[in-house]
Amino acid sequence: MAQQAPGPHQWLSIGEVSRRSGVTASALHFYERNGLISADRSAGNQRRYRRDTLRRVAFIRVSQRVGIPLKEILTALESLPDGRTPTKQDWEKLSRVWRTELDARISTLEHLRRDLNSCIGCGCLSLKSCSLQNPRDLLAAMGDGPVLWQSGLG
């Protein structure tokens, strides 16, 4: 079903969207430049946003807050039919996918925290035994010399 053009009472100025969403006008401009939201222009060339832009902005902000990169948020929004605003069901579907990615990031961060704690204990940053600088002594297999720096890993 095609979206019906909004009536004049359904348009919001950038100031109204900013005030109601808590997002600065410059952030709204950024979202617009990056295809996350869109605006039409009034006869006086002022931006006018559909009322459902408030929901899109809320979706973007919550997604960002849980660590989803803007590129992935844009992909999610582009996957919706007719560029519509995300629904509760859309959020549930997307959050299941994003939860898996977040769980993997959390696992990685917990592993790094464990390694950091052991590193603090020794304080040596040994290239031979440091689990942060040289996990499982992988550099030994790369040969002699400053292989960490020559490889571009350091």
N, C-alpha and C. Protein backbone atom coordinates (compact mmCIF):
# COMPACT_ATOMS: atom_id res chain seq x y z
N MET A 1 0.84 -1.17 0.00
CA MET A 1 0.00 0.00 0.00
C MET A 1 0.89 1.24 0.00
N ALA A 2 0.69 2.12 -0.93
CA ALA A 2 1.51 3.32 -1.05
C ALA A 2 1.18 4.30 0.08
N GLN A 3 2.21 5.02 0.51
CA GLN A 3 1.99 6.01 1.57
C GLN A 3 1.28 7.22 1.00
N GLN A 4 0.35 7.73 1.76
CA GLN A 4 -0.39 8.92 1.35
C GLN A 4 0.41 10.15 1.75
N ALA A 5 0.38 11.16 0.91
CA ALA A 5 1.09 12.40 1.22
C ALA A 5 0.48 13.03 2.46
N PRO A 6 1.34 13.50 3.39
CA PRO A 6 0.81 14.08 4.62
C PRO A 6 0.13 15.41 4.36
N GLY A 7 -0.88 15.69 5.18
CA GLY A 7 -1.54 16.99 5.11
C GLY A 7 -0.65 18.04 5.76
N PRO A 8 -1.00 19.32 5.62
CA PRO A 8 -0.16 20.40 6.15
C PRO A 8 0.05 20.32 7.66
N HIS A 9 -0.91 19.77 8.40
CA HIS A 9 -0.77 19.68 9.85
C HIS A 9 0.17 18.56 10.28
N GLN A 10 0.61 17.73 9.34
CA GLN A 10 1.50 16.63 9.67
C GLN A 10 2.98 16.97 9.44
N TRP A 11 3.27 18.14 8.94
CA TRP A 11 4.65 18.54 8.70
C TRP A 11 5.23 19.20 9.94
N LEU A 12 6.50 18.93 10.21
CA LEU A 12 7.19 19.53 11.34
C LEU A 12 8.42 20.29 10.84
N SER A 13 8.71 21.41 11.46
CA SER A 13 9.93 22.14 11.13
C SER A 13 11.11 21.42 11.79
N ILE A 14 12.30 21.80 11.38
CA ILE A 14 13.49 21.18 11.98
C ILE A 14 13.56 21.52 13.47
N GLY A 15 13.14 22.72 13.84
CA GLY A 15 13.13 23.10 15.25
C GLY A 15 12.18 22.23 16.06
N GLU A 16 11.01 21.93 15.48
CA GLU A 16 10.04 21.08 16.18
C GLU A 16 10.58 19.66 16.35
N VAL A 17 11.16 19.13 15.29
CA VAL A 17 11.73 17.77 15.38
C VAL A 17 12.86 17.75 16.40
N SER A 18 13.70 18.77 16.38
CA SER A 18 14.80 18.85 17.33
C SER A 18 14.28 18.91 18.77
N ARG A 19 13.32 19.78 19.01
CA ARG A 19 12.78 19.95 20.37
C ARG A 19 12.11 18.67 20.86
N ARG A 20 11.30 18.07 20.00
CA ARG A 20 10.52 16.91 20.42
C ARG A 20 11.36 15.65 20.52
N SER A 21 12.42 15.55 19.74
CA SER A 21 13.26 14.34 19.76
C SER A 21 14.45 14.46 20.69
N GLY A 22 14.81 15.71 21.05
CA GLY A 22 16.00 15.90 21.87
C GLY A 22 17.30 15.79 21.08
N VAL A 23 17.20 15.83 19.76
CA VAL A 23 18.36 15.73 18.87
C VAL A 23 18.62 17.10 18.28
N THR A 24 19.87 17.51 18.26
CA THR A 24 20.19 18.84 17.73
C THR A 24 19.88 18.94 16.25
N ALA A 25 19.67 20.17 15.79
CA ALA A 25 19.43 20.40 14.37
C ALA A 25 20.61 19.93 13.53
N SER A 26 21.82 20.12 14.03
CA SER A 26 22.99 19.68 13.26
C SER A 26 23.01 18.16 13.12
N ALA A 27 22.57 17.44 14.16
CA ALA A 27 22.49 15.98 14.06
C ALA A 27 21.42 15.57 13.04
N LEU A 28 20.31 16.30 13.03
CA LEU A 28 19.27 16.01 12.03
C LEU A 28 19.79 16.25 10.62
N HIS A 29 20.55 17.32 10.43
CA HIS A 29 21.17 17.57 9.12
C HIS A 29 22.08 16.41 8.75
N PHE A 30 22.88 15.95 9.71
CA PHE A 30 23.80 14.83 9.49
C PHE A 30 23.02 13.58 9.08
N TYR A 31 21.95 13.26 9.83
CA TYR A 31 21.12 12.10 9.50
C TYR A 31 20.55 12.23 8.09
N GLU A 32 20.14 13.43 7.74
CA GLU A 32 19.56 13.65 6.41
C GLU A 32 20.62 13.47 5.33
N ARG A 33 21.79 14.06 5.54
CA ARG A 33 22.89 13.91 4.56
C ARG A 33 23.26 12.45 4.33
N ASN A 34 23.11 11.64 5.37
CA ASN A 34 23.50 10.24 5.31
C ASN A 34 22.34 9.30 4.99
N GLY A 35 21.20 9.85 4.61
CA GLY A 35 20.08 9.05 4.14
C GLY A 35 19.25 8.38 5.22
N LEU A 36 19.46 8.73 6.48
CA LEU A 36 18.71 8.11 7.57
C LEU A 36 17.30 8.68 7.72
N ILE A 37 17.17 9.96 7.43
CA ILE A 37 15.86 10.63 7.43
C ILE A 37 15.79 11.49 6.17
N SER A 38 14.60 11.95 5.86
CA SER A 38 14.47 12.83 4.70
C SER A 38 13.53 13.98 5.03
N ALA A 39 13.68 15.05 4.29
CA ALA A 39 12.84 16.23 4.47
C ALA A 39 12.39 16.72 3.11
N ASP A 40 11.25 17.33 3.12
CA ASP A 40 10.78 18.05 1.93
C ASP A 40 11.08 19.52 2.18
N ARG A 41 10.82 20.35 1.20
CA ARG A 41 11.05 21.79 1.33
C ARG A 41 9.74 22.54 1.20
N SER A 42 9.60 23.56 2.01
CA SER A 42 8.42 24.42 1.93
C SER A 42 8.60 25.40 0.76
N ALA A 43 7.57 26.17 0.49
CA ALA A 43 7.65 27.18 -0.57
C ALA A 43 8.79 28.16 -0.29
N GLY A 44 9.09 28.40 1.01
CA GLY A 44 10.18 29.28 1.40
C GLY A 44 11.50 28.56 1.54
N ASN A 45 11.60 27.33 1.01
CA ASN A 45 12.80 26.50 1.01
C ASN A 45 13.24 26.07 2.42
N GLN A 46 12.31 25.99 3.36
CA GLN A 46 12.63 25.49 4.70
C GLN A 46 12.36 24.00 4.75
N ARG A 47 13.19 23.29 5.52
CA ARG A 47 12.99 21.86 5.69
C ARG A 47 11.66 21.61 6.39
N ARG A 48 10.96 20.59 5.92
CA ARG A 48 9.74 20.13 6.56
C ARG A 48 9.81 18.61 6.65
N TYR A 49 9.63 18.12 7.85
CA TYR A 49 9.72 16.69 8.11
C TYR A 49 8.33 16.11 8.36
N ARG A 50 8.12 14.90 7.88
CA ARG A 50 6.88 14.20 8.20
C ARG A 50 6.88 13.90 9.71
N ARG A 51 5.72 13.83 10.28
CA ARG A 51 5.58 13.56 11.71
C ARG A 51 6.25 12.23 12.10
N ASP A 52 6.20 11.23 11.20
CA ASP A 52 6.79 9.94 11.54
C ASP A 52 8.32 9.98 11.58
N THR A 53 8.91 11.11 11.21
CA THR A 53 10.36 11.27 11.36
C THR A 53 10.76 11.17 12.83
N LEU A 54 9.87 11.58 13.73
CA LEU A 54 10.16 11.46 15.17
C LEU A 54 10.43 10.01 15.55
N ARG A 55 9.65 9.09 15.01
CA ARG A 55 9.85 7.66 15.31
C ARG A 55 11.15 7.17 14.69
N ARG A 56 11.45 7.62 13.46
CA ARG A 56 12.72 7.22 12.83
C ARG A 56 13.91 7.70 13.65
N VAL A 57 13.83 8.95 14.11
CA VAL A 57 14.93 9.49 14.92
C VAL A 57 15.06 8.70 16.22
N ALA A 58 13.94 8.35 16.85
CA ALA A 58 14.00 7.54 18.06
C ALA A 58 14.64 6.19 17.77
N PHE A 59 14.29 5.58 16.66
CA PHE A 59 14.87 4.30 16.25
C PHE A 59 16.39 4.44 16.07
N ILE A 60 16.80 5.49 15.41
CA ILE A 60 18.23 5.73 15.18
C ILE A 60 18.96 5.91 16.50
N ARG A 61 18.42 6.74 17.38
CA ARG A 61 19.08 7.02 18.66
C ARG A 61 19.19 5.79 19.54
N VAL A 62 18.13 5.00 19.63
CA VAL A 62 18.17 3.79 20.45
C VAL A 62 19.16 2.80 19.85
N SER A 63 19.16 2.67 18.53
CA SER A 63 20.10 1.77 17.87
C SER A 63 21.54 2.19 18.15
N GLN A 64 21.80 3.49 18.06
CA GLN A 64 23.14 4.00 18.35
C GLN A 64 23.52 3.72 19.80
N ARG A 65 22.56 3.92 20.68
CA ARG A 65 22.84 3.76 22.11
C ARG A 65 23.27 2.33 22.46
N VAL A 66 22.74 1.35 21.73
CA VAL A 66 23.15 -0.03 21.99
C VAL A 66 24.37 -0.43 21.17
N GLY A 67 24.96 0.55 20.46
CA GLY A 67 26.24 0.31 19.79
C GLY A 67 26.16 -0.08 18.33
N ILE A 68 25.01 0.10 17.70
CA ILE A 68 24.89 -0.25 16.28
C ILE A 68 25.45 0.91 15.45
N PRO A 69 26.39 0.63 14.55
CA PRO A 69 26.96 1.68 13.71
C PRO A 69 25.90 2.25 12.76
N LEU A 70 26.04 3.53 12.43
CA LEU A 70 25.08 4.20 11.54
C LEU A 70 24.93 3.48 10.20
N LYS A 71 25.99 2.91 9.70
CA LYS A 71 25.91 2.20 8.42
C LYS A 71 24.93 1.02 8.52
N GLU A 72 24.96 0.30 9.64
CA GLU A 72 24.03 -0.82 9.84
C GLU A 72 22.61 -0.32 10.08
N ILE A 73 22.47 0.80 10.75
CA ILE A 73 21.15 1.39 10.97
C ILE A 73 20.55 1.78 9.62
N LEU A 74 21.35 2.40 8.76
CA LEU A 74 20.88 2.78 7.43
C LEU A 74 20.45 1.55 6.64
N THR A 75 21.24 0.50 6.68
CA THR A 75 20.89 -0.74 5.98
C THR A 75 19.56 -1.28 6.49
N ALA A 76 19.36 -1.24 7.80
CA ALA A 76 18.10 -1.71 8.38
C ALA A 76 16.93 -0.87 7.90
N LEU A 77 17.10 0.44 7.91
CA LEU A 77 16.02 1.33 7.46
C LEU A 77 15.72 1.14 5.98
N GLU A 78 16.76 0.93 5.19
CA GLU A 78 16.58 0.72 3.75
C GLU A 78 15.88 -0.60 3.44
N SER A 79 15.94 -1.55 4.38
CA SER A 79 15.32 -2.85 4.16
C SER A 79 13.80 -2.81 4.35
N LEU A 80 13.30 -1.73 4.91
CA LEU A 80 11.86 -1.62 5.17
C LEU A 80 11.12 -1.26 3.88
N PRO A 81 9.96 -1.87 3.65
CA PRO A 81 9.22 -1.58 2.42
C PRO A 81 8.80 -0.12 2.32
N ASP A 82 8.89 0.43 1.13
CA ASP A 82 8.45 1.80 0.83
C ASP A 82 9.08 2.85 1.74
N GLY A 83 10.24 2.57 2.31
CA GLY A 83 10.91 3.53 3.18
C GLY A 83 10.11 3.89 4.41
N ARG A 84 9.26 2.99 4.85
CA ARG A 84 8.38 3.32 5.96
C ARG A 84 9.14 3.39 7.28
N THR A 85 8.49 3.95 8.25
CA THR A 85 9.04 4.07 9.58
C THR A 85 9.01 2.71 10.26
N PRO A 86 10.05 2.35 11.02
CA PRO A 86 10.08 1.05 11.69
C PRO A 86 8.93 0.87 12.68
N THR A 87 8.40 -0.33 12.71
CA THR A 87 7.35 -0.69 13.65
C THR A 87 7.96 -1.48 14.80
N LYS A 88 7.13 -1.80 15.78
CA LYS A 88 7.58 -2.64 16.90
C LYS A 88 8.07 -3.99 16.38
N GLN A 89 7.37 -4.55 15.41
CA GLN A 89 7.78 -5.85 14.85
C GLN A 89 9.13 -5.73 14.12
N ASP A 90 9.34 -4.61 13.44
CA ASP A 90 10.64 -4.39 12.78
C ASP A 90 11.75 -4.38 13.82
N TRP A 91 11.51 -3.66 14.92
CA TRP A 91 12.53 -3.57 15.98
C TRP A 91 12.83 -4.95 16.54
N GLU A 92 11.79 -5.74 16.79
CA GLU A 92 11.99 -7.08 17.35
C GLU A 92 12.84 -7.94 16.40
N LYS A 93 12.55 -7.86 15.11
CA LYS A 93 13.30 -8.64 14.12
C LYS A 93 14.75 -8.19 14.06
N LEU A 94 14.95 -6.88 13.95
CA LEU A 94 16.32 -6.36 13.85
C LEU A 94 17.10 -6.58 15.14
N SER A 95 16.44 -6.42 16.27
CA SER A 95 17.16 -6.56 17.54
C SER A 95 17.63 -7.99 17.77
N ARG A 96 16.93 -8.98 17.20
CA ARG A 96 17.40 -10.37 17.32
C ARG A 96 18.74 -10.52 16.60
N VAL A 97 18.85 -9.94 15.41
CA VAL A 97 20.12 -10.00 14.66
C VAL A 97 21.19 -9.22 15.40
N TRP A 98 20.85 -8.01 15.82
CA TRP A 98 21.83 -7.16 16.50
C TRP A 98 22.25 -7.76 17.84
N ARG A 99 21.36 -8.46 18.52
CA ARG A 99 21.70 -9.08 19.81
C ARG A 99 22.85 -10.06 19.64
N THR A 100 22.83 -10.84 18.58
CA THR A 100 23.91 -11.79 18.32
C THR A 100 25.24 -11.06 18.15
N GLU A 101 25.22 -9.97 17.39
CA GLU A 101 26.43 -9.18 17.19
C GLU A 101 26.90 -8.54 18.50
N LEU A 102 25.97 -8.03 19.29
CA LEU A 102 26.32 -7.42 20.56
C LEU A 102 26.90 -8.46 21.52
N ASP A 103 26.32 -9.66 21.54
CA ASP A 103 26.84 -10.72 22.40
C ASP A 103 28.28 -11.05 22.03
N ALA A 104 28.58 -11.07 20.73
CA ALA A 104 29.96 -11.34 20.28
C ALA A 104 30.89 -10.22 20.73
N ARG A 105 30.45 -8.96 20.61
CA ARG A 105 31.29 -7.84 21.07
C ARG A 105 31.53 -7.90 22.57
N ILE A 106 30.48 -8.23 23.31
CA ILE A 106 30.61 -8.33 24.77
C ILE A 106 31.61 -9.41 25.13
N SER A 107 31.52 -10.54 24.46
CA SER A 107 32.47 -11.64 24.72
C SER A 107 33.90 -11.19 24.45
N THR A 108 34.11 -10.49 23.34
CA THR A 108 35.44 -10.00 23.00
C THR A 108 35.94 -9.01 24.05
N LEU A 109 35.07 -8.10 24.48
CA LEU A 109 35.47 -7.12 25.50
C LEU A 109 35.78 -7.79 26.84
N GLU A 110 35.01 -8.80 27.20
CA GLU A 110 35.29 -9.52 28.45
C GLU A 110 36.63 -10.22 28.38
N HIS A 111 36.93 -10.80 27.22
CA HIS A 111 38.23 -11.45 27.03
C HIS A 111 39.36 -10.42 27.14
N LEU A 112 39.18 -9.28 26.51
CA LEU A 112 40.19 -8.22 26.60
C LEU A 112 40.37 -7.74 28.03
N ARG A 113 39.27 -7.64 28.77
CA ARG A 113 39.37 -7.20 30.17
C ARG A 113 40.17 -8.21 30.98
N ARG A 114 39.93 -9.51 30.76
CA ARG A 114 40.71 -10.54 31.48
C ARG A 114 42.19 -10.39 31.14
N ASP A 115 42.50 -10.21 29.86
CA ASP A 115 43.89 -10.06 29.45
C ASP A 115 44.50 -8.80 30.04
N LEU A 116 43.73 -7.73 30.09
CA LEU A 116 44.23 -6.48 30.65
C LEU A 116 44.57 -6.66 32.13
N ASN A 117 43.72 -7.36 32.86
CA ASN A 117 43.99 -7.60 34.28
C ASN A 117 45.29 -8.36 34.46
N SER A 118 45.54 -9.38 33.63
CA SER A 118 46.79 -10.13 33.78
C SER A 118 47.98 -9.28 33.37
N CYS A 119 47.78 -8.41 32.41
CA CYS A 119 48.85 -7.55 31.95
C CYS A 119 49.23 -6.52 33.03
N ILE A 120 48.23 -6.00 33.70
CA ILE A 120 48.50 -5.05 34.77
C ILE A 120 49.36 -5.70 35.85
N GLY A 121 49.11 -6.98 36.07
CA GLY A 121 49.86 -7.71 37.09
C GLY A 121 51.34 -7.77 36.80
N CYS A 122 51.70 -8.02 35.54
CA CYS A 122 53.13 -8.16 35.25
C CYS A 122 53.75 -6.83 34.84
N GLY A 123 53.01 -6.03 34.11
CA GLY A 123 53.51 -4.72 33.72
C GLY A 123 54.64 -4.72 32.71
N CYS A 124 54.98 -5.88 32.18
CA CYS A 124 56.18 -5.95 31.32
C CYS A 124 55.90 -5.67 29.85
N LEU A 125 54.70 -5.95 29.40
CA LEU A 125 54.38 -5.88 27.97
C LEU A 125 55.37 -6.68 27.13
N SER A 126 55.76 -7.82 27.66
CA SER A 126 56.72 -8.70 27.00
C SER A 126 56.18 -9.14 25.64
N LEU A 127 56.99 -9.01 24.62
CA LEU A 127 56.59 -9.47 23.30
C LEU A 127 56.51 -10.99 23.25
N LYS A 128 57.16 -11.66 24.19
CA LYS A 128 57.12 -13.11 24.17
C LYS A 128 55.90 -13.65 24.91
N SER A 129 55.51 -13.01 26.02
CA SER A 129 54.46 -13.61 26.82
C SER A 129 53.22 -12.73 27.01
N CYS A 130 53.22 -11.50 26.55
CA CYS A 130 52.09 -10.61 26.78
C CYS A 130 50.88 -11.04 25.94
N SER A 131 49.76 -11.31 26.62
CA SER A 131 48.58 -11.78 25.91
C SER A 131 47.88 -10.65 25.13
N LEU A 132 48.22 -9.40 25.42
CA LEU A 132 47.65 -8.30 24.67
C LEU A 132 48.50 -7.95 23.45
N GLN A 133 49.80 -7.89 23.65
CA GLN A 133 50.71 -7.49 22.59
C GLN A 133 51.00 -8.64 21.63
N ASN A 134 51.02 -9.89 22.13
CA ASN A 134 51.41 -11.04 21.33
C ASN A 134 50.64 -12.27 21.78
N PRO A 135 49.35 -12.34 21.48
CA PRO A 135 48.54 -13.47 21.94
C PRO A 135 49.12 -14.81 21.49
N ARG A 136 49.25 -15.74 22.43
CA ARG A 136 49.74 -17.11 22.18
C ARG A 136 51.07 -17.12 21.42
N ASP A 137 51.88 -16.09 21.62
CA ASP A 137 53.20 -15.97 21.00
C ASP A 137 53.15 -16.20 19.49
N LEU A 138 52.16 -15.63 18.85
CA LEU A 138 51.99 -15.78 17.40
C LEU A 138 53.14 -15.14 16.63
N LEU A 139 53.77 -14.14 17.21
CA LEU A 139 54.85 -13.45 16.50
C LEU A 139 56.06 -14.36 16.29
N ALA A 140 56.25 -15.35 17.15
CA ALA A 140 57.40 -16.25 17.01
C ALA A 140 57.36 -16.97 15.67
N ALA A 141 56.17 -17.30 15.20
CA ALA A 141 56.04 -18.01 13.93
C ALA A 141 56.34 -17.11 12.74
N MET A 142 56.40 -15.80 12.96
CA MET A 142 56.62 -14.86 11.86
C MET A 142 58.10 -14.58 11.62
N GLY A 143 58.98 -15.11 12.46
CA GLY A 143 60.41 -14.94 12.24
C GLY A 143 61.06 -14.03 13.26
N ASP A 144 62.36 -13.75 13.01
CA ASP A 144 63.14 -12.93 13.93
C ASP A 144 62.97 -11.45 13.60
N GLY A 145 63.37 -10.63 14.55
CA GLY A 145 63.37 -9.19 14.35
C GLY A 145 62.04 -8.55 14.75
N PRO A 146 61.89 -7.27 14.39
CA PRO A 146 60.71 -6.51 14.79
C PRO A 146 59.50 -6.82 13.89
N VAL A 147 59.09 -8.09 13.89
CA VAL A 147 58.03 -8.52 12.98
C VAL A 147 56.70 -7.84 13.29
N LEU A 148 56.46 -7.48 14.54
CA LEU A 148 55.22 -6.81 14.89
C LEU A 148 55.12 -5.48 14.16
N TRP A 149 56.18 -4.74 14.16
CA TRP A 149 56.17 -3.43 13.53
C TRP A 149 56.26 -3.53 12.02
N GLN A 150 57.01 -4.48 11.51
CA GLN A 150 57.14 -4.65 10.08
C GLN A 150 55.84 -5.14 9.44
N SER A 151 55.06 -5.88 10.21
CA SER A 151 53.81 -6.42 9.68
C SER A 151 52.69 -5.39 9.63
N GLY A 152 52.89 -4.26 10.29
CA GLY A 152 51.84 -3.26 10.36
C GLY A 152 50.83 -3.54 11.46
N LEU A 153 51.06 -4.56 12.27
CA LEU A 153 50.15 -4.90 13.37
C LEU A 153 50.39 -4.02 14.58
N GLY A 154 51.56 -3.43 14.70
CA GLY A 154 51.89 -2.67 15.89
C GLY A 154 51.68 -1.21 15.77
